[in-house]
């Protein structure tokens, strides 16, 4: 199992470095880029999932593939993503908005902004 986590970490390190280079390419300062932090914490999610799976099997809880189990999985991914990804995406969004570039999002459309948001504009 440790070799599996080593492979995960290596793959996410490579991906994090590539995304860090992309951040530098759009002029996000190296100290503001969250790419490496976000990608290197992903193996932690796998470890937590493995631990949850172990206890689930150990105590015979949610061992069958049911809608409840899938729902818990979706909520877990959503919460973990919300906890980690803002570190990486915030500097990109901040830079785009400060430059006056439109940022498309269904969230902005839902909020009544016509699908785009620009600093100083609604």
N, C-alpha and C. Protein backbone atom coordinates (compact mmCIF):
# COMPACT_ATOMS: atom_id res chain seq x y z
N UNK A 1 0.81 -1.20 0.00
CA UNK A 1 0.00 0.00 0.00
C UNK A 1 0.86 1.27 0.00
N UNK A 2 1.98 1.32 0.74
CA UNK A 2 2.79 2.55 0.68
C UNK A 2 3.27 2.88 -0.73
N UNK A 3 3.57 1.84 -1.53
CA UNK A 3 4.04 2.12 -2.89
C UNK A 3 2.91 2.74 -3.72
N UNK A 4 1.68 2.36 -3.44
CA UNK A 4 0.55 2.95 -4.15
C UNK A 4 0.46 4.44 -3.83
N UNK A 5 0.61 4.80 -2.56
CA UNK A 5 0.55 6.22 -2.19
C UNK A 5 1.76 6.97 -2.74
N UNK A 6 2.88 6.31 -2.85
CA UNK A 6 4.06 6.94 -3.46
C UNK A 6 3.78 7.24 -4.93
N UNK A 7 3.15 6.31 -5.64
CA UNK A 7 2.79 6.54 -7.04
C UNK A 7 1.79 7.68 -7.15
N UNK A 8 0.76 7.69 -6.29
CA UNK A 8 -0.21 8.79 -6.29
C UNK A 8 0.50 10.12 -6.09
N UNK A 9 1.39 10.16 -5.11
CA UNK A 9 2.08 11.41 -4.78
C UNK A 9 2.95 11.85 -5.95
N UNK A 10 3.66 10.92 -6.57
CA UNK A 10 4.50 11.26 -7.71
C UNK A 10 3.66 11.81 -8.86
N UNK A 11 2.55 11.15 -9.16
CA UNK A 11 1.67 11.61 -10.25
C UNK A 11 1.12 13.00 -9.96
N UNK A 12 0.67 13.22 -8.73
CA UNK A 12 0.12 14.53 -8.39
C UNK A 12 1.21 15.59 -8.30
N UNK A 13 2.44 15.20 -7.94
CA UNK A 13 3.56 16.14 -7.94
C UNK A 13 3.83 16.62 -9.36
N UNK A 14 3.88 15.69 -10.30
CA UNK A 14 4.11 16.05 -11.69
C UNK A 14 2.99 16.96 -12.19
N UNK A 15 1.76 16.59 -11.92
CA UNK A 15 0.62 17.41 -12.34
C UNK A 15 0.67 18.79 -11.68
N UNK A 16 1.01 18.82 -10.39
CA UNK A 16 1.12 20.10 -9.69
C UNK A 16 2.19 20.98 -10.28
N UNK A 17 3.32 20.39 -10.65
CA UNK A 17 4.40 21.18 -11.27
C UNK A 17 3.97 21.74 -12.63
N UNK A 18 3.27 20.93 -13.42
CA UNK A 18 2.77 21.40 -14.71
C UNK A 18 1.79 22.55 -14.52
N UNK A 19 0.86 22.39 -13.58
CA UNK A 19 -0.12 23.45 -13.33
C UNK A 19 0.55 24.69 -12.73
N UNK A 20 1.59 24.49 -11.93
CA UNK A 20 2.35 25.62 -11.38
C UNK A 20 2.99 26.41 -12.52
N UNK A 21 3.53 25.70 -13.51
CA UNK A 21 4.12 26.38 -14.67
C UNK A 21 3.06 27.15 -15.44
N UNK A 22 1.86 26.59 -15.56
CA UNK A 22 0.76 27.32 -16.21
C UNK A 22 0.45 28.60 -15.44
N UNK A 23 0.42 28.49 -14.11
CA UNK A 23 0.17 29.67 -13.28
C UNK A 23 1.23 30.74 -13.53
N UNK A 24 2.49 30.34 -13.59
CA UNK A 24 3.56 31.28 -13.88
C UNK A 24 3.37 31.90 -15.26
N UNK A 25 2.87 31.09 -16.20
CA UNK A 25 2.63 31.57 -17.56
C UNK A 25 1.56 32.65 -17.64
N UNK A 26 0.63 32.64 -16.70
CA UNK A 26 -0.38 33.70 -16.69
C UNK A 26 -0.06 34.74 -15.63
N UNK A 27 1.21 34.77 -15.24
CA UNK A 27 1.79 35.78 -14.36
C UNK A 27 1.25 35.79 -12.94
N UNK A 28 0.96 34.61 -12.44
CA UNK A 28 0.65 34.48 -11.02
C UNK A 28 1.98 34.26 -10.31
N UNK A 29 2.31 35.11 -9.34
CA UNK A 29 3.60 34.95 -8.67
C UNK A 29 3.75 33.57 -8.04
N UNK A 30 4.95 33.03 -8.03
CA UNK A 30 5.16 31.67 -7.49
C UNK A 30 4.64 31.50 -6.06
N UNK A 31 4.76 32.53 -5.24
CA UNK A 31 4.29 32.40 -3.86
C UNK A 31 2.78 32.47 -3.73
N UNK A 32 2.07 32.87 -4.80
CA UNK A 32 0.61 32.91 -4.77
C UNK A 32 -0.02 31.71 -5.45
N UNK A 33 0.75 30.98 -6.23
CA UNK A 33 0.21 29.81 -6.91
C UNK A 33 -0.05 28.70 -5.89
N UNK A 34 -1.25 28.19 -5.90
CA UNK A 34 -1.59 27.11 -4.98
C UNK A 34 -1.57 25.75 -5.63
N UNK A 35 -1.09 25.68 -6.86
CA UNK A 35 -1.15 24.43 -7.61
C UNK A 35 -0.46 23.28 -6.88
N UNK A 36 0.76 23.48 -6.44
CA UNK A 36 1.47 22.38 -5.78
C UNK A 36 0.77 21.95 -4.50
N UNK A 37 0.31 22.91 -3.71
CA UNK A 37 -0.38 22.56 -2.46
C UNK A 37 -1.64 21.76 -2.75
N UNK A 38 -2.41 22.20 -3.72
CA UNK A 38 -3.67 21.51 -4.03
C UNK A 38 -3.42 20.10 -4.53
N UNK A 39 -2.50 19.96 -5.47
CA UNK A 39 -2.29 18.64 -6.05
C UNK A 39 -1.61 17.68 -5.09
N UNK A 40 -0.73 18.19 -4.23
CA UNK A 40 -0.04 17.30 -3.30
C UNK A 40 -0.91 16.86 -2.12
N UNK A 41 -2.03 17.51 -1.89
CA UNK A 41 -2.91 17.09 -0.80
C UNK A 41 -3.92 16.04 -1.29
N UNK A 42 -4.02 15.84 -2.59
CA UNK A 42 -4.99 14.88 -3.12
C UNK A 42 -4.76 13.44 -2.63
N UNK A 43 -3.52 12.96 -2.53
CA UNK A 43 -3.34 11.61 -1.99
C UNK A 43 -3.89 11.46 -0.56
N UNK A 44 -3.95 12.54 0.18
CA UNK A 44 -4.56 12.50 1.51
C UNK A 44 -6.03 12.09 1.41
N UNK A 45 -6.71 12.59 0.39
CA UNK A 45 -8.11 12.20 0.18
C UNK A 45 -8.22 10.70 -0.05
N UNK A 46 -7.31 10.14 -0.83
CA UNK A 46 -7.34 8.70 -1.09
C UNK A 46 -7.11 7.91 0.20
N UNK A 47 -6.19 8.41 1.03
CA UNK A 47 -5.91 7.73 2.30
C UNK A 47 -7.14 7.77 3.21
N UNK A 48 -7.80 8.91 3.27
CA UNK A 48 -9.02 9.03 4.09
C UNK A 48 -10.10 8.09 3.57
N UNK A 49 -10.23 8.01 2.24
CA UNK A 49 -11.21 7.09 1.65
C UNK A 49 -10.87 5.64 1.98
N UNK A 50 -9.60 5.30 1.93
CA UNK A 50 -9.19 3.93 2.27
C UNK A 50 -9.49 3.61 3.73
N UNK A 51 -9.24 4.56 4.61
CA UNK A 51 -9.54 4.36 6.03
C UNK A 51 -11.04 4.20 6.24
N UNK A 52 -11.82 5.05 5.59
CA UNK A 52 -13.29 4.95 5.70
C UNK A 52 -13.76 3.60 5.17
N UNK A 53 -13.19 3.15 4.06
CA UNK A 53 -13.56 1.85 3.50
C UNK A 53 -13.21 0.71 4.44
N UNK A 54 -12.06 0.81 5.08
CA UNK A 54 -11.65 -0.22 6.03
C UNK A 54 -12.66 -0.32 7.17
N UNK A 55 -13.01 0.82 7.77
CA UNK A 55 -13.96 0.79 8.89
C UNK A 55 -15.37 0.39 8.44
N UNK A 56 -15.71 0.77 7.21
CA UNK A 56 -17.00 0.37 6.67
C UNK A 56 -17.09 -1.15 6.56
N UNK A 57 -16.04 -1.79 6.06
CA UNK A 57 -16.02 -3.25 5.96
C UNK A 57 -15.91 -3.89 7.35
N UNK A 58 -15.09 -3.31 8.20
CA UNK A 58 -14.86 -3.86 9.54
C UNK A 58 -16.13 -3.93 10.36
N UNK A 59 -16.96 -2.89 10.24
CA UNK A 59 -18.19 -2.82 11.03
C UNK A 59 -19.44 -3.07 10.20
N UNK A 60 -19.25 -3.55 8.97
CA UNK A 60 -20.36 -3.89 8.07
C UNK A 60 -21.36 -2.75 7.93
N UNK A 61 -20.84 -1.57 7.67
CA UNK A 61 -21.67 -0.38 7.46
C UNK A 61 -21.52 0.06 6.01
N UNK A 62 -22.62 0.22 5.33
CA UNK A 62 -22.63 0.68 3.94
C UNK A 62 -21.69 -0.14 3.05
N UNK A 63 -21.76 -1.44 3.17
CA UNK A 63 -20.88 -2.29 2.37
C UNK A 63 -21.45 -2.54 0.97
N UNK A 64 -22.76 -2.39 0.80
CA UNK A 64 -23.36 -2.57 -0.52
C UNK A 64 -23.42 -1.23 -1.25
N UNK A 65 -23.37 -1.31 -2.57
CA UNK A 65 -23.43 -0.09 -3.38
C UNK A 65 -24.87 0.40 -3.43
N UNK A 66 -25.19 1.37 -2.62
CA UNK A 66 -26.54 1.92 -2.55
C UNK A 66 -26.51 3.40 -2.89
N UNK A 67 -27.69 3.97 -3.08
CA UNK A 67 -27.80 5.41 -3.36
C UNK A 67 -27.24 6.22 -2.19
N UNK A 68 -27.45 5.76 -0.97
CA UNK A 68 -26.92 6.46 0.20
C UNK A 68 -25.39 6.48 0.17
N UNK A 69 -24.81 5.33 -0.12
CA UNK A 69 -23.34 5.25 -0.17
C UNK A 69 -22.79 6.15 -1.28
N UNK A 70 -23.42 6.13 -2.43
CA UNK A 70 -22.99 6.99 -3.53
C UNK A 70 -23.16 8.46 -3.15
N UNK A 71 -24.27 8.78 -2.50
CA UNK A 71 -24.51 10.16 -2.08
C UNK A 71 -23.44 10.64 -1.11
N UNK A 72 -23.07 9.78 -0.18
CA UNK A 72 -22.00 10.14 0.77
C UNK A 72 -20.70 10.37 0.02
N UNK A 73 -20.44 9.54 -0.98
CA UNK A 73 -19.23 9.71 -1.79
C UNK A 73 -19.22 11.04 -2.54
N UNK A 74 -20.35 11.40 -3.13
CA UNK A 74 -20.44 12.68 -3.84
C UNK A 74 -20.25 13.86 -2.89
N UNK A 75 -20.86 13.78 -1.72
CA UNK A 75 -20.72 14.85 -0.74
C UNK A 75 -19.25 14.95 -0.28
N UNK A 76 -18.61 13.82 -0.06
CA UNK A 76 -17.21 13.80 0.35
C UNK A 76 -16.34 14.50 -0.69
N UNK A 77 -16.52 14.14 -1.97
CA UNK A 77 -15.72 14.74 -3.04
C UNK A 77 -15.98 16.24 -3.11
N UNK A 78 -17.23 16.64 -3.00
CA UNK A 78 -17.58 18.06 -3.05
C UNK A 78 -16.92 18.81 -1.90
N UNK A 79 -17.02 18.28 -0.68
CA UNK A 79 -16.44 18.96 0.48
C UNK A 79 -14.91 19.03 0.40
N UNK A 80 -14.29 17.93 0.01
CA UNK A 80 -12.83 17.93 -0.09
C UNK A 80 -12.37 18.89 -1.18
N UNK A 81 -13.09 18.90 -2.30
CA UNK A 81 -12.74 19.82 -3.38
C UNK A 81 -12.90 21.27 -2.94
N UNK A 82 -14.00 21.57 -2.27
CA UNK A 82 -14.23 22.93 -1.79
C UNK A 82 -13.14 23.34 -0.81
N UNK A 83 -12.69 22.41 0.01
CA UNK A 83 -11.66 22.70 1.00
C UNK A 83 -10.31 22.96 0.36
N UNK A 84 -10.01 22.29 -0.76
CA UNK A 84 -8.67 22.39 -1.33
C UNK A 84 -8.58 23.31 -2.55
N UNK A 85 -9.51 23.24 -3.47
CA UNK A 85 -9.32 23.88 -4.77
C UNK A 85 -9.33 25.40 -4.73
N UNK A 86 -9.98 26.01 -3.74
CA UNK A 86 -10.00 27.47 -3.71
C UNK A 86 -8.59 28.05 -3.56
N UNK A 87 -7.68 27.31 -2.94
CA UNK A 87 -6.30 27.75 -2.77
C UNK A 87 -5.64 27.96 -4.13
N UNK A 88 -6.01 27.14 -5.10
CA UNK A 88 -5.42 27.23 -6.42
C UNK A 88 -6.20 28.17 -7.33
N UNK A 89 -7.53 28.11 -7.28
CA UNK A 89 -8.33 28.88 -8.23
C UNK A 89 -8.48 30.34 -7.86
N UNK A 90 -8.44 30.68 -6.56
CA UNK A 90 -8.64 32.06 -6.16
C UNK A 90 -7.64 33.02 -6.80
N UNK A 91 -6.33 32.73 -6.79
CA UNK A 91 -5.40 33.66 -7.43
C UNK A 91 -5.68 33.86 -8.92
N UNK A 92 -6.13 32.81 -9.61
CA UNK A 92 -6.45 32.95 -11.03
C UNK A 92 -7.67 33.84 -11.23
N UNK A 93 -8.72 33.60 -10.45
CA UNK A 93 -9.92 34.42 -10.56
C UNK A 93 -9.63 35.87 -10.18
N UNK A 94 -8.87 36.07 -9.12
CA UNK A 94 -8.52 37.41 -8.68
C UNK A 94 -7.77 38.16 -9.78
N UNK A 95 -6.81 37.50 -10.39
CA UNK A 95 -6.04 38.13 -11.45
C UNK A 95 -6.93 38.48 -12.64
N UNK A 96 -7.80 37.58 -13.03
CA UNK A 96 -8.69 37.84 -14.16
C UNK A 96 -9.63 39.01 -13.86
N UNK A 97 -10.20 39.01 -12.68
CA UNK A 97 -11.14 40.08 -12.33
C UNK A 97 -10.44 41.43 -12.20
N UNK A 98 -9.23 41.45 -11.64
CA UNK A 98 -8.49 42.70 -11.53
C UNK A 98 -8.11 43.25 -12.90
N UNK A 99 -7.93 42.36 -13.88
CA UNK A 99 -7.59 42.78 -15.24
C UNK A 99 -8.84 43.18 -16.02
N UNK A 100 -10.02 43.03 -15.41
CA UNK A 100 -11.26 43.39 -16.08
C UNK A 100 -11.74 42.36 -17.07
N UNK A 101 -11.19 41.15 -16.98
CA UNK A 101 -11.60 40.08 -17.88
C UNK A 101 -12.87 39.43 -17.35
N UNK A 102 -13.82 39.14 -18.23
CA UNK A 102 -15.04 38.46 -17.76
C UNK A 102 -14.74 37.04 -17.31
N UNK A 103 -15.38 36.63 -16.25
CA UNK A 103 -15.24 35.28 -15.73
C UNK A 103 -16.61 34.62 -15.81
N UNK A 104 -16.75 33.67 -16.73
CA UNK A 104 -18.04 33.00 -16.91
C UNK A 104 -18.25 31.95 -15.84
N UNK A 105 -19.47 31.88 -15.36
CA UNK A 105 -19.81 30.89 -14.35
C UNK A 105 -21.31 30.78 -14.25
N UNK A 106 -21.81 29.55 -14.11
CA UNK A 106 -23.23 29.36 -13.86
C UNK A 106 -23.65 30.00 -12.56
N UNK A 107 -22.71 30.09 -11.60
CA UNK A 107 -23.01 30.71 -10.32
C UNK A 107 -23.36 32.18 -10.52
N UNK A 108 -22.56 32.88 -11.35
CA UNK A 108 -22.82 34.29 -11.59
C UNK A 108 -24.15 34.48 -12.31
N UNK A 109 -24.46 33.59 -13.24
CA UNK A 109 -25.75 33.68 -13.93
C UNK A 109 -26.89 33.46 -12.95
N UNK A 110 -26.71 32.50 -12.05
CA UNK A 110 -27.74 32.22 -11.05
C UNK A 110 -27.95 33.43 -10.14
N UNK A 111 -26.87 34.17 -9.87
CA UNK A 111 -26.95 35.34 -9.00
C UNK A 111 -27.50 36.56 -9.75
N UNK A 112 -27.80 36.39 -11.03
CA UNK A 112 -28.39 37.49 -11.79
C UNK A 112 -27.38 38.39 -12.46
N UNK A 113 -26.16 37.93 -12.64
CA UNK A 113 -25.11 38.75 -13.26
C UNK A 113 -24.97 38.45 -14.74
N UNK A 114 -25.89 37.73 -15.32
CA UNK A 114 -25.82 37.44 -16.75
C UNK A 114 -24.73 36.45 -17.13
N UNK A 115 -24.21 35.71 -16.20
CA UNK A 115 -23.23 34.67 -16.50
C UNK A 115 -21.80 35.15 -16.45
N UNK A 116 -21.59 36.46 -16.23
CA UNK A 116 -20.23 36.97 -16.15
C UNK A 116 -20.13 37.94 -14.99
N UNK A 117 -18.94 38.07 -14.47
CA UNK A 117 -18.70 39.05 -13.42
C UNK A 117 -17.38 39.76 -13.73
N UNK A 118 -17.39 41.05 -13.58
CA UNK A 118 -16.19 41.85 -13.78
C UNK A 118 -16.11 42.78 -12.58
N UNK A 119 -14.91 42.98 -12.04
CA UNK A 119 -14.76 43.87 -10.90
C UNK A 119 -15.34 45.23 -11.25
N UNK A 120 -16.19 45.73 -10.38
CA UNK A 120 -16.82 47.03 -10.60
C UNK A 120 -18.08 46.97 -11.45
N UNK A 121 -18.41 45.79 -11.93
CA UNK A 121 -19.59 45.62 -12.77
C UNK A 121 -20.43 44.48 -12.20
N UNK A 122 -21.72 44.52 -12.44
CA UNK A 122 -22.60 43.43 -12.01
C UNK A 122 -23.37 42.90 -13.19
